[in-house]
Amino acid sequence: MSTPWPIILRDGELTLRPLRFRDRKRWDEVRRANREWLSPWEATKPVILGEPSDRALPTYYEMVTQHRREGRQLRSISLGIWFTEGGKSKFVGQITLGGIVFGALRGAHIGYWIDSRFANKGITTRSVNLVTQYAFEGLALHRIEINLRPENLASKKVAEKCGYTFEGLRPRFLHIDGKWRDHLSFYKENPAIQ
């Protein structure tokens, strides 16, 4: 399947687009300001016997390069969330349509984070709706999942507002904030694909 790159999705004052190298300063500022806010929900790398324990996170430039490569190959599409307020476009978070699989599954999962200063404004919900619409209409995916920690009530509200259905509990599903954590799984199916 071929899709134009870069992928840019818009809804009024909301724009989702791939991060660029020149976005680094704003990305660093938002991540630094939200370190405490985001750390309970951040994916971490488990220590695995036989693997180096000093595996550092990628630099910003490595991350952007990897996102571009993964996006062009339709394996994972990571987009910055930009919100225009007072005539100025501000970087306020990120959303990823990851684990894209075609063939018999035709599915993916969505993950996201938002700047605490822009939480509870409907921006995350609108972003999830835009990415879901793109996944269903642009990629003809059948099923999208959102997996979230049970303690993350705000994220649970987003999944529910976007029409995702609770499927069940996944014990010790993802390594988050230094430990294997239980997750609630929500899903949505593409009504156009039978």
Protein backbone atom coordinates (compact mmCIF):
# COMPACT_ATOMS: atom_id res chain seq x y z
CA MET A 1 0.00 0.00 0.00
CA SER A 2 1.29 3.47 -0.86
CA THR A 3 0.40 6.63 0.99
CA PRO A 4 1.71 10.17 0.55
CA TRP A 5 4.41 11.34 2.97
CA PRO A 6 4.38 13.34 5.07
CA ILE A 7 0.97 12.49 6.46
CA ILE A 8 -0.78 15.63 7.69
CA LEU A 9 -4.23 15.51 9.29
CA ARG A 10 -6.29 18.62 10.10
CA ASP A 11 -9.44 19.51 12.00
CA GLY A 12 -9.94 23.27 12.34
CA GLU A 13 -7.21 24.68 14.58
CA LEU A 14 -5.78 21.17 15.16
CA THR A 15 -2.98 19.83 12.95
CA LEU A 16 -1.27 16.45 13.24
CA ARG A 17 2.01 16.18 11.34
CA PRO A 18 5.37 14.42 11.64
CA LEU A 19 7.94 16.10 13.85
CA ARG A 20 10.79 17.85 12.04
CA PHE A 21 14.36 18.45 13.18
CA ARG A 22 13.55 22.14 13.66
CA ASP A 23 10.78 21.27 16.16
CA ARG A 24 13.35 20.08 18.69
CA LYS A 25 13.40 23.19 20.88
CA ARG A 26 9.63 23.20 21.36
CA TRP A 27 9.53 19.40 21.86
CA ASP A 28 12.29 19.63 24.51
CA GLU A 29 10.49 22.48 26.29
CA VAL A 30 7.15 20.63 26.43
CA ARG A 31 8.74 17.35 27.54
CA ARG A 32 10.79 19.11 30.25
CA ALA A 33 7.75 21.03 31.55
CA ASN A 34 5.70 17.79 31.66
CA ARG A 35 8.26 15.32 33.05
CA GLU A 36 6.33 14.63 36.28
CA TRP A 37 2.96 14.68 34.52
CA LEU A 38 4.02 12.08 31.93
CA SER A 39 6.40 9.78 33.85
CA PRO A 40 3.71 7.48 35.36
CA TRP A 41 2.51 6.66 31.82
CA GLU A 42 5.82 6.49 29.93
CA ALA A 43 7.05 3.28 28.34
CA THR A 44 10.38 2.07 29.76
CA LYS A 45 12.86 -0.58 28.71
CA PRO A 46 12.95 -3.71 30.86
CA VAL A 47 16.29 -5.20 31.83
CA ILE A 48 16.76 -8.41 29.83
CA LEU A 49 19.51 -10.90 30.61
CA GLY A 50 22.10 -10.96 27.84
CA GLU A 51 21.20 -7.48 26.56
CA PRO A 52 23.22 -4.36 27.38
CA SER A 53 21.70 -2.55 30.35
CA ASP A 54 22.95 0.87 29.26
CA ARG A 55 20.60 1.19 26.29
CA ALA A 56 19.91 4.90 26.23
CA LEU A 57 16.81 6.41 24.73
CA PRO A 58 17.33 7.74 21.21
CA THR A 59 18.27 11.36 20.74
CA TYR A 60 15.62 13.68 19.35
CA TYR A 61 17.25 13.47 15.89
CA GLU A 62 17.38 9.67 16.02
CA MET A 63 13.72 9.60 17.08
CA VAL A 64 12.62 11.85 14.20
CA THR A 65 14.69 9.84 11.71
CA GLN A 66 13.16 6.58 12.97
CA HIS A 67 9.64 8.05 12.85
CA ARG A 68 10.16 9.11 9.23
CA ARG A 69 11.44 5.68 8.21
CA GLU A 70 8.66 3.83 10.04
CA GLY A 71 6.02 6.21 8.64
CA ARG A 72 7.14 5.88 5.03
CA GLN A 73 7.07 2.09 5.41
CA LEU A 74 3.63 2.23 7.08
CA ARG A 75 4.79 0.35 10.17
CA SER A 76 4.15 3.17 12.64
CA ILE A 77 2.93 6.73 12.08
CA SER A 78 3.97 9.17 14.79
CA LEU A 79 2.61 12.71 14.56
CA GLY A 80 3.11 15.85 16.59
CA ILE A 81 -0.08 17.50 17.82
CA TRP A 82 -0.19 21.21 16.97
CA PHE A 83 -2.95 23.49 18.23
CA THR A 84 -3.50 27.04 16.97
CA GLU A 85 -4.51 29.43 19.71
CA GLY A 86 -4.50 33.22 19.41
CA GLY A 87 -3.15 32.92 15.87
CA LYS A 88 -0.10 30.95 17.00
CA SER A 89 0.46 27.24 16.36
CA LYS A 90 1.76 25.45 19.47
CA PHE A 91 3.19 21.97 19.85
CA VAL A 92 1.09 20.27 22.54
CA GLY A 93 1.72 16.52 22.31
CA GLN A 94 2.19 13.43 20.19
CA ILE A 95 0.04 10.62 18.85
CA THR A 96 1.12 7.38 17.23
CA LEU A 97 -0.66 4.81 15.12
CA GLY A 98 1.75 1.99 15.87
CA GLY A 99 2.15 -1.69 15.20
CA ILE A 100 0.47 -1.38 11.82
CA VAL A 101 -0.20 -4.81 10.33
CA PHE A 102 -1.90 -5.53 7.03
CA GLY A 103 -2.83 -9.01 5.75
CA ALA A 104 -5.40 -10.99 7.73
CA LEU A 105 -5.23 -8.74 10.82
CA ARG A 106 -5.31 -5.23 9.26
CA GLY A 107 -4.90 -3.58 12.63
CA ALA A 108 -2.86 -1.18 14.76
CA HIS A 109 -2.84 0.52 18.13
CA ILE A 110 -2.96 4.17 19.14
CA GLY A 111 -0.85 5.81 21.85
CA TYR A 112 -0.70 9.47 22.79
CA TRP A 113 0.44 12.08 25.28
CA ILE A 114 -0.59 15.71 25.82
CA ASP A 115 0.98 18.76 27.46
CA SER A 116 -0.71 19.18 30.87
CA ARG A 117 -1.46 22.83 30.02
CA PHE A 118 -3.68 21.60 27.15
CA ALA A 119 -5.33 18.66 28.92
CA ASN A 120 -9.12 18.58 29.29
CA LYS A 121 -9.68 20.74 26.20
CA GLY A 122 -10.77 17.92 23.89
CA ILE A 123 -7.53 18.06 21.88
CA THR A 124 -6.54 14.46 22.62
CA THR A 125 -10.04 13.19 21.81
CA ARG A 126 -10.05 15.07 18.51
CA SER A 127 -6.57 13.75 17.71
CA VAL A 128 -7.60 10.14 18.38
CA ASN A 129 -10.69 10.63 16.20
CA LEU A 130 -8.56 12.05 13.35
CA VAL A 131 -6.04 9.20 13.50
CA THR A 132 -8.80 6.60 13.74
CA GLN A 133 -10.53 8.09 10.71
CA TYR A 134 -7.25 8.06 8.76
CA ALA A 135 -6.57 4.44 9.79
CA PHE A 136 -10.03 3.32 8.67
CA GLU A 137 -10.48 5.44 5.55
CA GLY A 138 -6.90 6.02 4.41
CA LEU A 139 -5.36 2.66 5.29
CA ALA A 140 -8.51 0.49 5.33
CA LEU A 141 -7.52 -1.03 8.66
CA HIS A 142 -10.07 -3.29 10.32
CA ARG A 143 -9.30 -2.91 14.04
CA ILE A 144 -7.59 -0.30 16.22
CA GLU A 145 -6.71 -0.76 19.89
CA ILE A 146 -5.98 1.65 22.71
CA ASN A 147 -4.30 0.06 25.73
CA LEU A 148 -4.07 2.13 28.89
CA ARG A 149 -3.26 1.76 32.57
CA PRO A 150 -6.36 1.35 34.77
CA GLU A 151 -5.24 4.35 36.86
CA ASN A 152 -5.25 6.64 33.82
CA LEU A 153 -8.83 7.85 34.04
CA ALA A 154 -8.29 10.73 31.59
CA SER A 155 -7.05 8.33 28.91
CA LYS A 156 -9.96 6.00 29.61
CA LYS A 157 -12.37 8.92 29.00
CA VAL A 158 -10.66 9.64 25.67
CA ALA A 159 -11.08 6.04 24.51
CA GLU A 160 -14.74 6.00 25.53
CA LYS A 161 -15.54 9.40 23.98
CA CYS A 162 -13.98 8.20 20.71
CA GLY A 163 -16.32 5.21 20.62
CA TYR A 164 -13.81 2.54 21.59
CA THR A 165 -15.26 -0.50 23.35
CA PHE A 166 -13.76 -1.99 26.51
CA GLU A 167 -12.46 -5.47 25.74
CA GLY A 168 -10.76 -6.55 28.94
CA LEU A 169 -7.77 -6.49 31.24
CA ARG A 170 -4.30 -7.41 29.97
CA PRO A 171 -2.20 -8.34 33.01
CA ARG A 172 1.44 -7.14 32.99
CA PHE A 173 0.98 -6.02 29.38
CA LEU A 174 3.54 -3.22 28.89
CA HIS A 175 6.66 -2.03 30.70
CA ILE A 176 5.68 1.40 32.00
CA ASP A 177 7.44 3.61 34.54
CA GLY A 178 9.92 0.85 35.41
CA LYS A 179 7.57 -2.14 35.85
CA TRP A 180 5.33 -4.49 33.88
CA ARG A 181 1.89 -2.90 34.26
CA ASP A 182 -1.67 -4.12 33.78
CA HIS A 183 -3.59 -2.40 30.98
CA LEU A 184 -7.20 -2.02 30.00
CA SER A 185 -7.76 -2.79 26.34
CA PHE A 186 -10.24 -0.86 24.19
CA TYR A 187 -10.92 -1.48 20.51
CA LYS A 188 -12.81 -0.06 17.58
CA GLU A 189 -13.65 -1.83 14.32
CA ASN A 190 -13.97 -0.27 10.91
CA PRO A 191 -17.67 -0.42 9.98
CA ALA A 192 -16.78 -0.32 6.25
CA ILE A 193 -14.84 -3.59 6.41
CA GLN A 194 -16.89 -6.77 6.81
